């Protein structure tokens, strides 16, 4: 598929002076006619090279941005290609996502370090894939990938001396962000209710609805005193 439903120039209609837009989708016509993979030494010495970094990029966050920053700055003259997996593939390999395909692609396109975006990419690598998109190097963290069973998915680029290890940003990941929302479920339900969402939109069950309505009623009567008691009971439950 190679691209989402957006077009390269769709951003121009929503800005006053269309000078600085997002990364373009991969364009096969821009590839070199006689391609020869760049070596590590040539890249270090400033030869133009194409670095590829892929991911789900779900709930795009600073950890994603910093990884792409590292990939873009690995050599002096890098074209950074960001590969975005489809939801179909992510659900097969990793599990449920928060964002749609188009939302994730658009988040990556608007990262300042990305030059090209390639959508619906495989989790598995092959020499045919590298040649098809003229990829010189693969940038990814080198930590064990426990979600994919079998051999190291980065074994091939490592054997070909194409692998560029990057560092993860501690304390931030999509799973961490989802955990924060789940852990503070009631707070976020109340947050969105205040912003006009109804309980059905939030998929809140009947018992939870009754509890929230009761707590809101008590809170409206007793005000800050009820909030302080709720926090005390919440702290007690966490410590038990």
Protein backbone atom coordinates (compact mmCIF):
# COMPACT_ATOMS: atom_id res chain seq x y z
CA UNK A 1 0.00 0.00 0.00
CA UNK A 2 2.93 2.32 0.87
CA UNK A 3 0.79 5.36 1.85
CA UNK A 4 -2.26 6.25 3.92
CA UNK A 5 -5.36 8.00 2.65
CA UNK A 6 -3.77 11.45 2.86
CA UNK A 7 -2.02 13.11 -0.09
CA UNK A 8 1.41 14.76 -0.03
CA UNK A 9 0.03 18.28 -0.51
CA UNK A 10 -3.23 18.04 1.47
CA UNK A 11 -1.78 20.25 4.23
CA UNK A 12 -1.48 23.30 1.97
CA UNK A 13 -5.19 24.15 2.12
CA UNK A 14 -5.10 24.75 5.91
CA UNK A 15 -2.08 27.10 6.14
CA UNK A 16 -1.56 30.73 5.14
CA UNK A 17 1.89 30.36 3.58
CA UNK A 18 2.53 26.76 2.47
CA UNK A 19 6.29 26.68 2.89
CA UNK A 20 6.94 24.03 5.55
CA UNK A 21 4.88 20.87 5.37
CA UNK A 22 5.06 17.29 6.65
CA UNK A 23 7.24 14.50 5.28
CA UNK A 24 6.25 13.09 1.92
CA UNK A 25 5.13 9.57 1.27
CA UNK A 26 7.64 7.26 -0.32
CA UNK A 27 7.97 8.06 -4.02
CA UNK A 28 9.39 5.29 -6.20
CA UNK A 29 10.28 7.75 -8.96
CA UNK A 30 12.81 9.42 -6.64
CA UNK A 31 14.94 6.27 -6.33
CA UNK A 32 18.36 6.03 -7.95
CA UNK A 33 18.57 4.17 -11.24
CA UNK A 34 21.74 2.26 -10.38
CA UNK A 35 21.50 1.56 -6.68
CA UNK A 36 24.43 0.28 -4.66
CA UNK A 37 24.08 -0.04 -0.90
CA UNK A 38 26.18 2.46 1.05
CA UNK A 39 28.66 0.97 3.51
CA UNK A 40 29.03 2.03 7.14
CA UNK A 41 32.40 3.64 6.42
CA UNK A 42 31.07 5.57 3.41
CA UNK A 43 28.13 6.87 5.45
CA UNK A 44 30.42 8.00 8.27
CA UNK A 45 32.47 9.92 5.70
CA UNK A 46 29.41 11.83 4.50
CA UNK A 47 28.03 9.76 1.62
CA UNK A 48 24.26 10.23 1.21
CA UNK A 49 22.46 7.25 2.73
CA UNK A 50 18.93 6.03 3.39
CA UNK A 51 18.19 5.03 7.00
CA UNK A 52 14.99 3.15 7.74
CA UNK A 53 13.23 3.05 11.11
CA UNK A 54 9.88 1.36 11.63
CA UNK A 55 7.29 1.00 14.36
CA UNK A 56 3.65 1.17 15.35
CA UNK A 57 4.01 4.78 16.55
CA UNK A 58 0.72 4.43 18.41
CA UNK A 59 -0.15 7.39 20.67
CA UNK A 60 2.93 9.14 19.25
CA UNK A 61 5.09 10.46 22.10
CA UNK A 62 8.53 11.90 22.91
CA UNK A 63 10.13 8.44 23.02
CA UNK A 64 9.18 7.91 19.38
CA UNK A 65 10.42 11.38 18.45
CA UNK A 66 13.77 10.90 20.19
CA UNK A 67 14.32 7.54 18.49
CA UNK A 68 13.70 9.13 15.09
CA UNK A 69 16.03 11.98 16.05
CA UNK A 70 18.80 9.46 16.75
CA UNK A 71 18.21 7.72 13.42
CA UNK A 72 18.27 11.01 11.48
CA UNK A 73 21.54 12.06 13.11
CA UNK A 74 23.42 8.75 12.85
CA UNK A 75 25.47 9.98 9.87
CA UNK A 76 26.13 13.41 8.32
CA UNK A 77 23.88 12.97 5.26
CA UNK A 78 20.79 10.90 6.11
CA UNK A 79 17.45 10.54 4.37
CA UNK A 80 15.21 9.09 7.08
CA UNK A 81 12.45 6.74 6.00
CA UNK A 82 9.87 5.96 8.70
CA UNK A 83 7.98 2.73 8.20
CA UNK A 84 4.55 2.56 9.84
CA UNK A 85 2.92 -0.83 10.43
CA UNK A 86 -0.76 -1.24 9.64
CA UNK A 87 -3.26 -1.87 12.42
CA UNK A 88 -3.95 -5.27 10.88
CA UNK A 89 -0.30 -6.27 11.32
CA UNK A 90 0.02 -4.69 14.77
CA UNK A 91 -3.07 -6.49 16.05
CA UNK A 92 -1.64 -9.76 14.73
CA UNK A 93 1.77 -9.31 16.36
CA UNK A 94 1.46 -6.90 19.29
CA UNK A 95 -2.20 -6.35 20.18
CA UNK A 96 -4.78 -3.56 20.29
CA UNK A 97 -3.94 -0.03 19.16
CA UNK A 98 -5.43 3.32 20.20
CA UNK A 99 -4.98 5.29 16.97
CA UNK A 100 -6.22 4.49 13.48
CA UNK A 101 -3.81 3.87 10.61
CA UNK A 102 -4.21 7.40 9.26
CA UNK A 103 -3.77 9.00 12.69
CA UNK A 104 -0.50 7.15 13.26
CA UNK A 105 0.82 7.91 9.78
CA UNK A 106 -0.02 11.60 10.10
CA UNK A 107 1.71 11.82 13.50
CA UNK A 108 4.89 10.38 11.99
CA UNK A 109 4.69 12.59 8.89
CA UNK A 110 4.69 15.66 11.11
CA UNK A 111 7.83 14.71 13.00
CA UNK A 112 10.62 17.09 12.01
CA UNK A 113 13.25 14.37 11.52
CA UNK A 114 11.32 12.24 9.01
CA UNK A 115 11.92 12.71 5.28
CA UNK A 116 9.74 9.94 3.85
CA UNK A 117 6.92 7.78 5.23
CA UNK A 118 6.23 4.22 4.13
CA UNK A 119 2.95 2.68 5.28
CA UNK A 120 1.88 -0.95 5.77
CA UNK A 121 5.38 -2.33 6.20
CA UNK A 122 6.14 -5.89 7.37
CA UNK A 123 7.59 -6.81 10.75
CA UNK A 124 9.99 -9.21 9.04
CA UNK A 125 12.96 -8.01 6.96
CA UNK A 126 14.39 -9.42 3.74
CA UNK A 127 17.07 -8.43 1.24
CA UNK A 128 14.26 -7.96 -1.31
CA UNK A 129 12.64 -5.41 1.00
CA UNK A 130 15.94 -3.52 1.44
CA UNK A 131 16.54 -3.46 -2.31
CA UNK A 132 12.97 -2.48 -3.18
CA UNK A 133 13.18 0.70 -1.09
CA UNK A 134 16.94 1.20 -1.41
CA UNK A 135 17.51 0.97 2.33
CA UNK A 136 21.10 1.27 3.46
CA UNK A 137 20.62 0.95 7.22
CA UNK A 138 18.04 -0.10 9.83
CA UNK A 139 17.80 2.01 13.01
CA UNK A 140 16.14 0.47 16.06
CA UNK A 141 16.85 -0.16 19.73
CA UNK A 142 18.75 -3.36 20.42
CA UNK A 143 16.65 -4.61 23.34
CA UNK A 144 15.07 -8.08 23.08
CA UNK A 145 11.80 -8.05 21.13
CA UNK A 146 9.68 -10.37 23.23
CA UNK A 147 6.43 -9.94 21.30
CA UNK A 148 7.72 -11.72 18.22
CA UNK A 149 8.54 -15.37 18.82
CA UNK A 150 11.50 -16.99 17.10
CA UNK A 151 14.90 -15.57 16.14
CA UNK A 152 16.01 -11.97 16.52
CA UNK A 153 14.02 -9.96 13.93
CA UNK A 154 17.09 -7.77 13.42
CA UNK A 155 19.43 -10.68 12.74
CA UNK A 156 19.54 -10.04 8.97
CA UNK A 157 20.52 -6.33 9.08
CA UNK A 158 23.03 -7.13 11.82
CA UNK A 159 24.69 -9.81 9.68
CA UNK A 160 24.77 -7.39 6.74
CA UNK A 161 26.34 -4.66 8.92
CA UNK A 162 23.26 -2.50 8.34
CA UNK A 163 21.98 -2.28 11.91
CA UNK A 164 22.17 1.03 13.81
CA UNK A 165 21.30 0.61 17.50
CA UNK A 166 19.37 3.47 19.10
CA UNK A 167 18.48 4.05 22.76
CA UNK A 168 15.00 3.91 24.24
CA UNK A 169 13.78 6.85 26.30
CA UNK A 170 13.22 5.63 29.84
CA UNK A 171 9.83 6.12 31.46
CA UNK A 172 7.79 6.72 28.32
CA UNK A 173 6.09 4.22 26.04
CA UNK A 174 2.65 3.68 24.56
CA UNK A 175 2.04 0.93 27.11
CA UNK A 176 3.02 3.32 29.92
CA UNK A 177 0.52 5.92 28.67
CA UNK A 178 -2.29 3.37 28.37
CA UNK A 179 -1.48 2.18 31.90
CA UNK A 180 -1.82 5.75 33.23
CA UNK A 181 -5.30 6.04 31.74
CA UNK A 182 -6.40 2.62 33.03
CA UNK A 183 -4.99 3.31 36.50
CA UNK A 184 -6.83 6.64 36.71
CA UNK A 185 -9.96 5.40 34.97
CA UNK A 186 -12.50 7.26 37.13
CA UNK A 187 -10.65 10.56 36.83
CA UNK A 188 -10.60 10.38 33.05
CA UNK A 189 -14.28 9.37 32.89
CA UNK A 190 -15.16 12.46 34.95
CA UNK A 191 -12.81 14.57 32.82
CA UNK A 192 -14.59 13.64 29.60
CA UNK A 193 -18.03 13.97 31.15
CA UNK A 194 -17.18 17.58 31.99
CA UNK A 195 -16.16 18.07 28.36
CA UNK A 196 -19.55 16.99 27.04
CA UNK A 197 -19.16 13.26 26.40
CA UNK A 198 -21.99 11.06 27.62
CA UNK A 199 -21.63 7.79 29.52
CA UNK A 200 -22.66 5.69 26.52
CA UNK A 201 -19.91 7.22 24.40
CA UNK A 202 -17.45 6.30 27.14
CA UNK A 203 -18.80 2.72 27.22
CA UNK A 204 -19.39 2.98 30.97
CA UNK A 205 -21.40 0.11 32.49
CA UNK A 206 -24.62 0.52 34.47
CA UNK A 207 -23.03 -0.08 37.89
CA UNK A 208 -20.21 2.33 37.18
CA UNK A 209 -22.71 4.93 35.97
CA UNK A 210 -24.68 4.58 39.22
CA UNK A 211 -21.54 4.87 41.33
CA UNK A 212 -20.32 7.97 39.48
CA UNK A 213 -23.73 9.63 39.73
CA UNK A 214 -23.86 8.87 43.46
CA UNK A 215 -20.34 10.17 44.06
CA UNK A 216 -21.06 13.31 42.04
CA UNK A 217 -24.23 13.90 44.08
CA UNK A 218 -22.40 13.47 47.39
CA UNK A 219 -19.58 15.67 46.13
CA UNK A 220 -22.02 18.43 45.16
CA UNK A 221 -23.48 18.34 48.68
CA UNK A 222 -20.34 18.03 50.76
CA UNK A 223 -17.84 19.56 48.34
CA UNK A 224 -14.15 19.40 49.26
CA UNK A 225 -14.73 17.23 52.32
CA UNK A 226 -15.95 14.33 50.17
CA UNK A 227 -13.00 14.72 47.77
CA UNK A 228 -10.55 14.59 50.69
CA UNK A 229 -12.21 11.44 52.08
CA UNK A 230 -12.18 9.80 48.63
CA UNK A 231 -8.46 10.50 48.28
CA UNK A 232 -7.83 9.07 51.76
CA UNK A 233 -9.71 5.87 50.93
CA UNK A 234 -7.95 5.66 47.56
CA UNK A 235 -4.53 5.97 49.21
CA UNK A 236 -5.51 3.35 51.77
CA UNK A 237 -6.56 0.92 49.02
CA UNK A 238 -3.29 1.41 47.13
CA UNK A 239 -1.18 0.79 50.23
CA UNK A 240 -3.08 -2.35 51.27
